[in-house]
C-alpha atoms as a PDB file:
ATOM      1  CA  UNK A   1     -39.483 -46.803 -19.146  1.00  0.00           C
ATOM      2  CA  UNK A   2     -42.100 -45.356 -16.508  1.00  0.00           C
ATOM      3  CA  UNK A   3     -40.222 -42.657 -14.490  1.00  0.00           C
ATOM      4  CA  UNK A   4     -36.968 -40.745 -14.601  1.00  0.00           C
ATOM      5  CA  UNK A   5     -34.886 -39.370 -11.845  1.00  0.00           C
ATOM      6  CA  UNK A   6     -31.619 -37.104 -11.406  1.00  0.00           C
ATOM      7  CA  UNK A   7     -29.591 -37.516  -8.069  1.00  0.00           C
ATOM      8  CA  UNK A   8     -26.571 -35.427  -7.044  1.00  0.00           C
ATOM      9  CA  UNK A   9     -23.479 -37.205  -5.277  1.00  0.00           C
ATOM     10  CA  UNK A  10     -24.544 -39.129  -2.046  1.00  0.00           C
ATOM     11  CA  UNK A  11     -22.102 -40.328   0.640  1.00  0.00           C
ATOM     12  CA  UNK A  12     -23.102 -43.968   1.608  1.00  0.00           C
ATOM     13  CA  UNK A  13     -22.220 -45.648   4.554  1.00  0.00           C
ATOM     14  CA  UNK A  14     -20.652 -48.949   4.427  1.00  0.00           C
ATOM     15  CA  UNK A  15     -19.410 -47.838   0.802  1.00  0.00           C
ATOM     16  CA  UNK A  16     -17.009 -50.736   0.425  1.00  0.00           C
ATOM     17  CA  UNK A  17     -19.793 -53.366   1.018  1.00  0.00           C
ATOM     18  CA  UNK A  18     -21.968 -51.546  -1.298  1.00  0.00           C
ATOM     19  CA  UNK A  19     -19.340 -51.336  -4.146  1.00  0.00           C
ATOM     20  CA  UNK A  20     -18.736 -54.824  -3.830  1.00  0.00           C
ATOM     21  CA  UNK A  21     -22.454 -55.781  -4.337  1.00  0.00           C
ATOM     22  CA  UNK A  22     -22.576 -53.462  -7.135  1.00  0.00           C
ATOM     23  CA  UNK A  23     -19.495 -54.678  -8.976  1.00  0.00           C
ATOM     24  CA  UNK A  24     -20.805 -58.196  -8.777  1.00  0.00           C
ATOM     25  CA  UNK A  25     -23.924 -56.738 -10.713  1.00  0.00           C
ATOM     26  CA  UNK A  26     -21.739 -54.602 -13.153  1.00  0.00           C
ATOM     27  CA  UNK A  27     -19.651 -57.727 -13.706  1.00  0.00           C
ATOM     28  CA  UNK A  28     -22.496 -60.095 -14.428  1.00  0.00           C
ATOM     29  CA  UNK A  29     -23.825 -57.654 -17.013  1.00  0.00           C
ATOM     30  CA  UNK A  30     -20.627 -57.039 -18.857  1.00  0.00           C
ATOM     31  CA  UNK A  31     -19.830 -60.747 -18.993  1.00  0.00           C
ATOM     32  CA  UNK A  32     -22.926 -60.982 -21.617  1.00  0.00           C
ATOM     33  CA  UNK A  33     -21.160 -58.637 -23.988  1.00  0.00           C
ATOM     34  CA  UNK A  34     -17.372 -60.243 -23.734  1.00  0.00           C
ATOM     35  CA  UNK A  35     -18.545 -63.843 -23.898  1.00  0.00           C
ATOM     36  CA  UNK A  36     -20.264 -63.125 -27.215  1.00  0.00           C
ATOM     37  CA  UNK A  37     -17.382 -61.427 -29.057  1.00  0.00           C
ATOM     38  CA  UNK A  38     -16.368 -64.348 -30.938  1.00  0.00           C
ATOM     39  CA  UNK A  39     -19.593 -65.285 -32.561  1.00  0.00           C
ATOM     40  CA  UNK A  40     -19.999 -61.795 -34.177  1.00  0.00           C
ATOM     41  CA  UNK A  41     -18.115 -62.693 -37.425  1.00  0.00           C
ATOM     42  CA  UNK A  42     -20.436 -63.930 -40.285  1.00  0.00           C
ATOM     43  CA  UNK A  43     -19.063 -66.405 -42.932  1.00  0.00           C
ATOM     44  CA  UNK A  44     -18.346 -63.675 -45.338  1.00  0.00           C
ATOM     45  CA  UNK A  45     -16.286 -61.754 -42.731  1.00  0.00           C
ATOM     46  CA  UNK A  46     -18.659 -59.288 -42.263  1.00  0.00           C
ATOM     47  CA  UNK A  47     -19.917 -58.182 -38.620  1.00  0.00           C
ATOM     48  CA  UNK A  48     -23.534 -59.259 -37.795  1.00  0.00           C
ATOM     49  CA  UNK A  49     -24.475 -56.172 -36.161  1.00  0.00           C
ATOM     50  CA  UNK A  50     -28.005 -57.556 -35.371  1.00  0.00           C
ATOM     51  CA  UNK A  51     -26.483 -60.345 -33.360  1.00  0.00           C
ATOM     52  CA  UNK A  52     -24.156 -57.918 -31.498  1.00  0.00           C
ATOM     53  CA  UNK A  53     -27.310 -55.860 -30.206  1.00  0.00           C
ATOM     54  CA  UNK A  54     -29.182 -58.716 -29.603  1.00  0.00           C
ATOM     55  CA  UNK A  55     -26.545 -60.458 -27.448  1.00  0.00           C
ATOM     56  CA  UNK A  56     -25.694 -57.440 -25.362  1.00  0.00           C
ATOM     57  CA  UNK A  57     -29.136 -56.570 -23.841  1.00  0.00           C
ATOM     58  CA  UNK A  58     -32.166 -58.985 -23.888  1.00  0.00           C
ATOM     59  CA  UNK A  59     -30.297 -61.229 -21.604  1.00  0.00           C
ATOM     60  CA  UNK A  60     -30.041 -58.718 -18.822  1.00  0.00           C
ATOM     61  CA  UNK A  61     -33.107 -58.074 -16.689  1.00  0.00           C
ATOM     62  CA  UNK A  62     -32.864 -54.728 -14.854  1.00  0.00           C
ATOM     63  CA  UNK A  63     -35.374 -52.573 -12.885  1.00  0.00           C
ATOM     64  CA  UNK A  64     -33.557 -49.367 -12.990  1.00  0.00           C
ATOM     65  CA  UNK A  65     -31.129 -47.873 -15.743  1.00  0.00           C
ATOM     66  CA  UNK A  66     -28.373 -45.979 -14.376  1.00  0.00           C
ATOM     67  CA  UNK A  67     -26.653 -43.290 -16.617  1.00  0.00           C
ATOM     68  CA  UNK A  68     -23.232 -41.692 -15.402  1.00  0.00           C
ATOM     69  CA  UNK A  69     -20.169 -40.171 -16.609  1.00  0.00           C
ATOM     70  CA  UNK A  70     -16.823 -42.664 -16.694  1.00  0.00           C
ATOM     71  CA  UNK A  71     -15.473 -40.307 -13.624  1.00  0.00           C
ATOM     72  CA  UNK A  72     -18.593 -41.464 -11.570  1.00  0.00           C
ATOM     73  CA  UNK A  73     -18.268 -45.232 -11.914  1.00  0.00           C
ATOM     74  CA  UNK A  74     -17.800 -45.889  -8.192  1.00  0.00           C
ATOM     75  CA  UNK A  75     -20.808 -43.630  -7.486  1.00  0.00           C
ATOM     76  CA  UNK A  76     -22.927 -45.745 -10.051  1.00  0.00           C
ATOM     77  CA  UNK A  77     -21.652 -48.956  -8.796  1.00  0.00           C
ATOM     78  CA  UNK A  78     -22.461 -48.017  -5.093  1.00  0.00           C
ATOM     79  CA  UNK A  79     -25.862 -46.711  -5.997  1.00  0.00           C
ATOM     80  CA  UNK A  80     -26.598 -50.206  -7.872  1.00  0.00           C
ATOM     81  CA  UNK A  81     -25.235 -51.811  -4.760  1.00  0.00           C
ATOM     82  CA  UNK A  82     -27.415 -50.049  -2.275  1.00  0.00           C
ATOM     83  CA  UNK A  83     -30.516 -50.503  -4.527  1.00  0.00           C
ATOM     84  CA  UNK A  84     -30.164 -54.386  -4.516  1.00  0.00           C
ATOM     85  CA  UNK A  85     -28.859 -54.419  -0.867  1.00  0.00           C
ATOM     86  CA  UNK A  86     -32.068 -52.546   0.434  1.00  0.00           C
ATOM     87  CA  UNK A  87     -34.960 -53.449  -2.107  1.00  0.00           C
ATOM     88  CA  UNK A  88     -33.593 -56.233  -4.220  1.00  0.00           C
ATOM     89  CA  UNK A  89     -33.790 -53.801  -7.085  1.00  0.00           C
ATOM     90  CA  UNK A  90     -31.572 -54.735 -10.117  1.00  0.00           C
ATOM     91  CA  UNK A  91     -29.790 -52.347 -11.978  1.00  0.00           C
ATOM     92  CA  UNK A  92     -28.261 -51.812 -15.529  1.00  0.00           C
ATOM     93  CA  UNK A  93     -25.291 -49.346 -15.346  1.00  0.00           C
ATOM     94  CA  UNK A  94     -24.739 -47.935 -18.786  1.00  0.00           C
ATOM     95  CA  UNK A  95     -21.075 -48.185 -18.982  1.00  0.00           C
ATOM     96  CA  UNK A  96     -21.365 -51.784 -19.206  1.00  0.00           C
ATOM     97  CA  UNK A  97     -22.211 -50.939 -22.891  1.00  0.00           C
ATOM     98  CA  UNK A  98     -20.369 -47.842 -23.801  1.00  0.00           C
ATOM     99  CA  UNK A  99     -17.407 -48.595 -21.570  1.00  0.00           C
ATOM    100  CA  UNK A 100     -16.873 -51.871 -23.319  1.00  0.00           C
ATOM    101  CA  UNK A 101     -17.013 -50.269 -26.693  1.00  0.00           C
ATOM    102  CA  UNK A 102     -13.310 -49.373 -26.794  1.00  0.00           C
ATOM    103  CA  UNK A 103     -12.610 -53.053 -26.363  1.00  0.00           C
ATOM    104  CA  UNK A 104     -14.873 -54.196 -29.078  1.00  0.00           C
ATOM    105  CA  UNK A 105     -13.802 -51.264 -31.579  1.00  0.00           C
ATOM    106  CA  UNK A 106     -10.047 -52.245 -30.868  1.00  0.00           C
ATOM    107  CA  UNK A 107     -10.633 -55.968 -31.630  1.00  0.00           C
ATOM    108  CA  UNK A 108     -12.753 -54.766 -34.951  1.00  0.00           C
ATOM    109  CA  UNK A 109      -9.923 -52.250 -35.989  1.00  0.00           C
ATOM    110  CA  UNK A 110      -7.115 -54.836 -35.558  1.00  0.00           C
ATOM    111  CA  UNK A 111      -9.083 -57.282 -37.527  1.00  0.00           C
ATOM    112  CA  UNK A 112     -10.224 -55.124 -40.445  1.00  0.00           C
ATOM    113  CA  UNK A 113      -8.757 -51.580 -40.492  1.00  0.00           C
ATOM    114  CA  UNK A 114      -4.864 -52.336 -39.628  1.00  0.00           C
ATOM    115  CA  UNK A 115      -2.414 -52.432 -42.390  1.00  0.00           C
ATOM    116  CA  UNK A 116       0.532 -54.825 -41.217  1.00  0.00           C
ATOM    117  CA  UNK A 117       2.679 -53.221 -44.043  1.00  0.00           C
ATOM    118  CA  UNK A 118       2.417 -49.539 -43.006  1.00  0.00           C
ATOM    119  CA  UNK A 119       1.524 -50.288 -39.566  1.00  0.00           C
ATOM    120  CA  UNK A 120      -1.308 -47.699 -39.652  1.00  0.00           C
ATOM    121  CA  UNK A 121      -4.867 -47.816 -39.369  1.00  0.00           C
ATOM    122  CA  UNK A 122      -7.093 -47.033 -42.557  1.00  0.00           C
ATOM    123  CA  UNK A 123      -8.789 -43.769 -41.611  1.00  0.00           C
ATOM    124  CA  UNK A 124     -12.030 -44.448 -43.743  1.00  0.00           C
ATOM    125  CA  UNK A 125     -12.234 -48.041 -42.641  1.00  0.00           C
ATOM    126  CA  UNK A 126     -11.915 -46.636 -38.869  1.00  0.00           C
ATOM    127  CA  UNK A 127     -14.445 -44.202 -39.270  1.00  0.00           C
ATOM    128  CA  UNK A 128     -16.795 -46.694 -41.067  1.00  0.00           C
ATOM    129  CA  UNK A 129     -16.256 -49.532 -38.159  1.00  0.00           C
ATOM    130  CA  UNK A 130     -16.706 -46.685 -35.526  1.00  0.00           C
ATOM    131  CA  UNK A 131     -19.820 -45.619 -37.067  1.00  0.00           C
ATOM    132  CA  UNK A 132     -21.511 -48.865 -36.945  1.00  0.00           C
ATOM    133  CA  UNK A 133     -20.320 -49.729 -33.489  1.00  0.00           C
ATOM    134  CA  UNK A 134     -21.563 -46.620 -32.028  1.00  0.00           C
ATOM    135  CA  UNK A 135     -24.956 -47.007 -34.117  1.00  0.00           C
ATOM    136  CA  UNK A 136     -25.274 -50.724 -32.261  1.00  0.00           C
ATOM    137  CA  UNK A 137     -24.219 -49.248 -28.775  1.00  0.00           C
ATOM    138  CA  UNK A 138     -27.039 -46.464 -29.135  1.00  0.00           C
ATOM    139  CA  UNK A 139     -29.553 -49.142 -30.130  1.00  0.00           C
ATOM    140  CA  UNK A 140     -28.569 -51.227 -27.235  1.00  0.00           C
ATOM    141  CA  UNK A 141     -28.901 -48.452 -24.929  1.00  0.00           C
ATOM    142  CA  UNK A 142     -32.392 -47.452 -26.445  1.00  0.00           C
ATOM    143  CA  UNK A 143     -33.499 -50.935 -25.842  1.00  0.00           C
ATOM    144  CA  UNK A 144     -32.299 -51.137 -22.111  1.00  0.00           C
ATOM    145  CA  UNK A 145     -33.947 -47.686 -21.203  1.00  0.00           C
ATOM    146  CA  UNK A 146     -37.070 -48.932 -22.856  1.00  0.00           C
ATOM    147  CA  UNK A 147     -36.770 -52.095 -21.225  1.00  0.00           C
ATOM    148  CA  UNK A 148     -36.148 -50.644 -17.456  1.00  0.00           C
ATOM    149  CA  UNK A 149     -38.812 -49.369 -15.538  1.00  0.00           C
ATOM    150  CA  UNK A 150     -36.926 -46.442 -13.912  1.00  0.00           C
ATOM    151  CA  UNK A 151     -34.187 -44.127 -15.217  1.00  0.00           C
ATOM    152  CA  UNK A 152     -31.756 -42.486 -12.858  1.00  0.00           C
ATOM    153  CA  UNK A 153     -28.990 -40.081 -14.132  1.00  0.00           C
ATOM    154  CA  UNK A 154     -26.031 -39.227 -11.879  1.00  0.00           C
ATOM    155  CA  UNK A 155     -26.131 -35.551 -11.874  1.00  0.00           C
ATOM    156  CA  UNK A 156     -22.655 -34.392 -10.944  1.00  0.00           C
ATOM    157  CA  UNK A 157     -19.917 -31.834 -12.036  1.00  0.00           C
ATOM    158  CA  UNK A 158     -18.410 -34.824 -14.234  1.00  0.00           C
ATOM    159  CA  UNK A 159     -21.558 -35.454 -16.282  1.00  0.00           C
ATOM    160  CA  UNK A 160     -23.590 -31.965 -16.262  1.00  0.00           C
ATOM    161  CA  UNK A 161     -22.770 -28.581 -15.881  1.00  0.00           C
ATOM    162  CA  UNK A 162     -24.687 -25.165 -15.819  1.00  0.00           C
ATOM    163  CA  UNK A 163     -23.961 -22.850 -18.484  1.00  0.00           C
ATOM    164  CA  UNK A 164     -25.386 -19.621 -18.481  1.00  0.00           C
ATOM    165  CA  UNK A 165     -29.062 -20.098 -18.389  1.00  0.00           C
ATOM    166  CA  UNK A 166     -28.893 -23.960 -19.508  1.00  0.00           C
ATOM    167  CA  UNK A 167     -27.272 -27.179 -18.227  1.00  0.00           C
ATOM    168  CA  UNK A 168     -24.570 -28.733 -20.676  1.00  0.00           C
ATOM    169  CA  UNK A 169     -22.954 -32.160 -20.974  1.00  0.00           C
ATOM    170  CA  UNK A 170     -19.667 -33.145 -22.697  1.00  0.00           C
ATOM    171  CA  UNK A 171     -20.785 -36.627 -22.975  1.00  0.00           C
ATOM    172  CA  UNK A 172     -22.437 -37.693 -26.134  1.00  0.00           C
ATOM    173  CA  UNK A 173     -23.947 -40.966 -24.337  1.00  0.00           C
ATOM    174  CA  UNK A 174     -25.450 -39.072 -21.321  1.00  0.00           C
ATOM    175  CA  UNK A 175     -27.009 -36.479 -23.916  1.00  0.00           C
ATOM    176  CA  UNK A 176     -28.209 -39.524 -25.991  1.00  0.00           C
ATOM    177  CA  UNK A 177     -29.971 -40.917 -22.620  1.00  0.00           C
ATOM    178  CA  UNK A 178     -31.516 -37.849 -21.575  1.00  0.00           C
ATOM    179  CA  UNK A 179     -32.922 -36.955 -25.074  1.00  0.00           C
ATOM    180  CA  UNK A 180     -34.354 -40.518 -25.259  1.00  0.00           C
ATOM    181  CA  UNK A 181     -36.064 -40.638 -21.775  1.00  0.00           C
ATOM    182  CA  UNK A 182     -38.171 -37.701 -23.595  1.00  0.00           C
ATOM    183  CA  UNK A 183     -38.857 -39.677 -26.856  1.00  0.00           C
ATOM    184  CA  UNK A 184     -39.110 -42.946 -25.644  1.00  0.00           C
ATOM    185  CA  UNK A 185     -42.495 -44.588 -24.740  1.00  0.00           C
ATOM    186  CA  UNK A 186     -43.917 -44.433 -21.373  1.00  0.00           C
ATOM    187  CA  UNK A 187     -44.788 -48.055 -20.328  1.00  0.00           C
ATOM    188  CA  UNK A 188     -47.013 -48.177 -17.188  1.00  0.00           C
ATOM    189  CA  UNK A 189     -46.236 -51.316 -15.127  1.00  0.00           C
ATOM    190  CA  UNK A 190     -49.448 -53.554 -15.005  1.00  0.00           C
ATOM    191  CA  UNK A 191     -49.712 -53.298 -11.171  1.00  0.00           C
ATOM    192  CA  UNK A 192     -49.738 -49.594 -11.657  1.00  0.00           C
ATOM    193  CA  UNK A 193     -52.174 -49.629 -14.526  1.00  0.00           C
ATOM    194  CA  UNK A 194     -54.747 -51.632 -12.210  1.00  0.00           C
ATOM    195  CA  UNK A 195     -54.349 -48.887  -9.570  1.00  0.00           C
ATOM    196  CA  UNK A 196     -55.070 -46.255 -12.026  1.00  0.00           C
ATOM    197  CA  UNK A 197     -57.905 -47.756 -13.338  1.00  0.00           C
ATOM    198  CA  UNK A 198     -59.653 -48.029 -10.011  1.00  0.00           C
ATOM    199  CA  UNK A 199     -58.614 -44.610  -9.284  1.00  0.00           C
ATOM    200  CA  UNK A 200     -59.928 -42.782 -12.503  1.00  0.00           C
ATOM    201  CA  UNK A 201     -62.754 -44.988 -13.680  1.00  0.00           C
ATOM    202  CA  UNK A 202     -65.945 -44.709 -12.023  1.00  0.00           C
ATOM    203  CA  UNK A 203     -68.165 -48.036 -11.349  1.00  0.00           C
ATOM    204  CA  UNK A 204     -70.130 -47.584 -14.913  1.00  0.00           C
ATOM    205  CA  UNK A 205     -66.866 -47.230 -16.685  1.00  0.00           C
ATOM    206  CA  UNK A 206     -66.693 -43.474 -17.521  1.00  0.00           C
ATOM    207  CA  UNK A 207     -63.397 -41.560 -17.146  1.00  0.00           C
ATOM    208  CA  UNK A 208     -62.411 -38.932 -14.814  1.00  0.00           C
ATOM    209  CA  UNK A 209     -15.051 -37.171 -27.768  1.00  0.00           C
ATOM    210  CA  UNK A 210     -11.370 -37.528 -28.743  1.00  0.00           C
ATOM    211  CA  UNK A 211      -8.019 -35.869 -27.180  1.00  0.00           C
ATOM    212  CA  UNK A 212      -7.832 -32.127 -28.804  1.00  0.00           C
ATOM    213  CA  UNK A 213     -11.559 -32.109 -29.640  1.00  0.00           C
ATOM    214  CA  UNK A 214     -14.223 -30.797 -26.983  1.00  0.00           C
ATOM    215  CA  UNK A 215     -17.806 -30.984 -27.695  1.00  0.00           C
ATOM    216  CA  UNK A 216     -20.735 -29.836 -25.559  1.00  0.00           C
ATOM    217  CA  UNK A 217     -24.303 -30.520 -25.904  1.00  0.00           C
ATOM    218  CA  UNK A 218     -27.380 -28.543 -24.445  1.00  0.00           C
ATOM    219  CA  UNK A 219     -29.130 -30.942 -22.040  1.00  0.00           C
ATOM    220  CA  UNK A 220     -32.656 -30.172 -20.767  1.00  0.00           C
ATOM    221  CA  UNK A 221     -33.276 -32.068 -17.507  1.00  0.00           C
ATOM    222  CA  UNK A 222     -36.887 -30.864 -16.766  1.00  0.00           C
ATOM    223  CA  UNK A 223     -38.520 -34.203 -17.293  1.00  0.00           C
ATOM    224  CA  UNK A 224     -36.191 -35.837 -14.540  1.00  0.00           C
ATOM    225  CA  UNK A 225     -37.355 -35.776 -10.781  1.00  0.00           C
ATOM    226  CA  UNK A 226     -34.571 -34.467  -8.548  1.00  0.00           C
ATOM    227  CA  UNK A 227     -33.800 -36.843  -5.672  1.00  0.00           C
ATOM    228  CA  UNK A 228     -31.028 -36.577  -2.881  1.00  0.00           C
ATOM    229  CA  UNK A 229     -29.958 -38.394   0.190  1.00  0.00           C
ATOM    230  CA  UNK A 230     -32.778 -37.290   1.905  1.00  0.00           C
ATOM    231  CA  UNK A 231     -35.149 -39.081  -0.729  1.00  0.00           C
ATOM    232  CA  UNK A 232     -33.129 -41.942  -0.309  1.00  0.00           C
ATOM    233  CA  UNK A 233     -33.001 -42.214   3.729  1.00  0.00           C
ATOM    234  CA  UNK A 234     -36.937 -41.622   3.557  1.00  0.00           C
ATOM    235  CA  UNK A 235     -37.283 -44.311   1.128  1.00  0.00           C
ATOM    236  CA  UNK A 236     -34.990 -46.709   2.771  1.00  0.00           C
ATOM    237  CA  UNK A 237     -36.996 -46.038   6.425  1.00  0.00           C
ATOM    238  CA  UNK A 238     -40.249 -47.163   4.754  1.00  0.00           C
ATOM    239  CA  UNK A 239     -41.158 -50.754   6.250  1.00  0.00           C
ATOM    240  CA  UNK A 240     -42.276 -53.853   4.523  1.00  0.00           C
ATOM    241  CA  UNK A 241     -40.483 -53.046   1.193  1.00  0.00           C
ATOM    242  CA  UNK A 242     -40.051 -56.730   0.448  1.00  0.00           C
ATOM    243  CA  UNK A 243     -39.677 -56.872  -3.321  1.00  0.00           C
ATOM    244  CA  UNK A 244     -38.662 -54.471  -5.972  1.00  0.00           C
ATOM    245  CA  UNK A 245     -41.904 -53.539  -7.129  1.00  0.00           C
ATOM    246  CA  UNK A 246     -43.392 -52.404  -3.971  1.00  0.00           C
ATOM    247  CA  UNK A 247     -39.833 -50.448  -3.364  1.00  0.00           C
ATOM    248  CA  UNK A 248     -40.088 -48.514  -6.984  1.00  0.00           C
ATOM    249  CA  UNK A 249     -43.893 -47.863  -6.241  1.00  0.00           C
ATOM    250  CA  UNK A 250     -42.918 -46.285  -2.974  1.00  0.00           C
ATOM    251  CA  UNK A 251     -40.296 -44.101  -4.501  1.00  0.00           C
ATOM    252  CA  UNK A 252     -42.733 -42.858  -7.286  1.00  0.00           C
ATOM    253  CA  UNK A 253     -45.066 -42.029  -4.542  1.00  0.00           C
ATOM    254  CA  UNK A 254     -42.564 -39.985  -2.322  1.00  0.00           C
ATOM    255  CA  UNK A 255     -40.959 -38.488  -5.164  1.00  0.00           C
ATOM    256  CA  UNK A 256     -43.633 -37.789  -8.143  1.00  0.00           C
ATOM    257  CA  UNK A 257     -43.132 -36.120 -11.236  1.00  0.00           C
ATOM    258  CA  UNK A 258     -43.784 -32.323 -11.630  1.00  0.00           C
ATOM    259  CA  UNK A 259     -46.528 -31.060 -13.445  1.00  0.00           C
ATOM    260  CA  UNK A 260     -44.165 -30.553 -16.612  1.00  0.00           C
ATOM    261  CA  UNK A 261     -42.868 -33.970 -16.613  1.00  0.00           C
ATOM    262  CA  UNK A 262     -46.693 -35.046 -16.322  1.00  0.00           C
ATOM    263  CA  UNK A 263     -47.527 -32.964 -19.553  1.00  0.00           C
ATOM    264  CA  UNK A 264     -44.500 -34.441 -21.511  1.00  0.00           C
ATOM    265  CA  UNK A 265     -46.226 -38.077 -20.813  1.00  0.00           C
ATOM    266  CA  UNK A 266     -49.845 -37.164 -21.191  1.00  0.00           C
END
């Protein structure tokens, strides 16, 4: 990951067309997980956690990782469609992973945790399977964020709400992704490294959760740059953005990180 942004709700023109494009991207990513379910059982009837993680994310190539609440799925899909329609930027929407987790858990629990005599699920086995699946999902999300060049979090009332002097979220996945965005390595793209080397080096080489249970997490978004519909419109008007790399470079230029974000990443 190189840069992180947060964006308030945006009303897109031609929303239906953008959603159709975004759904195509979303469907392609989720199929990676669905097509692999049958191959996760080892010969001793244990689950191959490594294979589950490896199957879900390395086959997906994405420039941007989109983090969102499940209530904002249409916005996330439309944004993915807008990025691709305008700049050929490929997005990975995080619910491709966590949104599919319930189906994965259901298949595992029906196979290993359900007692056909009592018609009940074993509580301990159910907790055990859930902890392993969530660990694998977290691993997959971490790899995807690390692999993507840019992170965009949908900053809506469904995902992040102000509380006293802080922001809070009820989503453990959004909390995890925001915290991870601060901890994960900053990977500067090679094309930007070349520009930075030319800029900072002189000629001699010297430097210049469940129903009835409610959780919330304090969340710090200071490392994410705020963008809005004005930013998107200005970005869209820039001419000759004929590749995802060029388009992202222009976004980094018109929406640079604050001094706080710069200090976090050195």
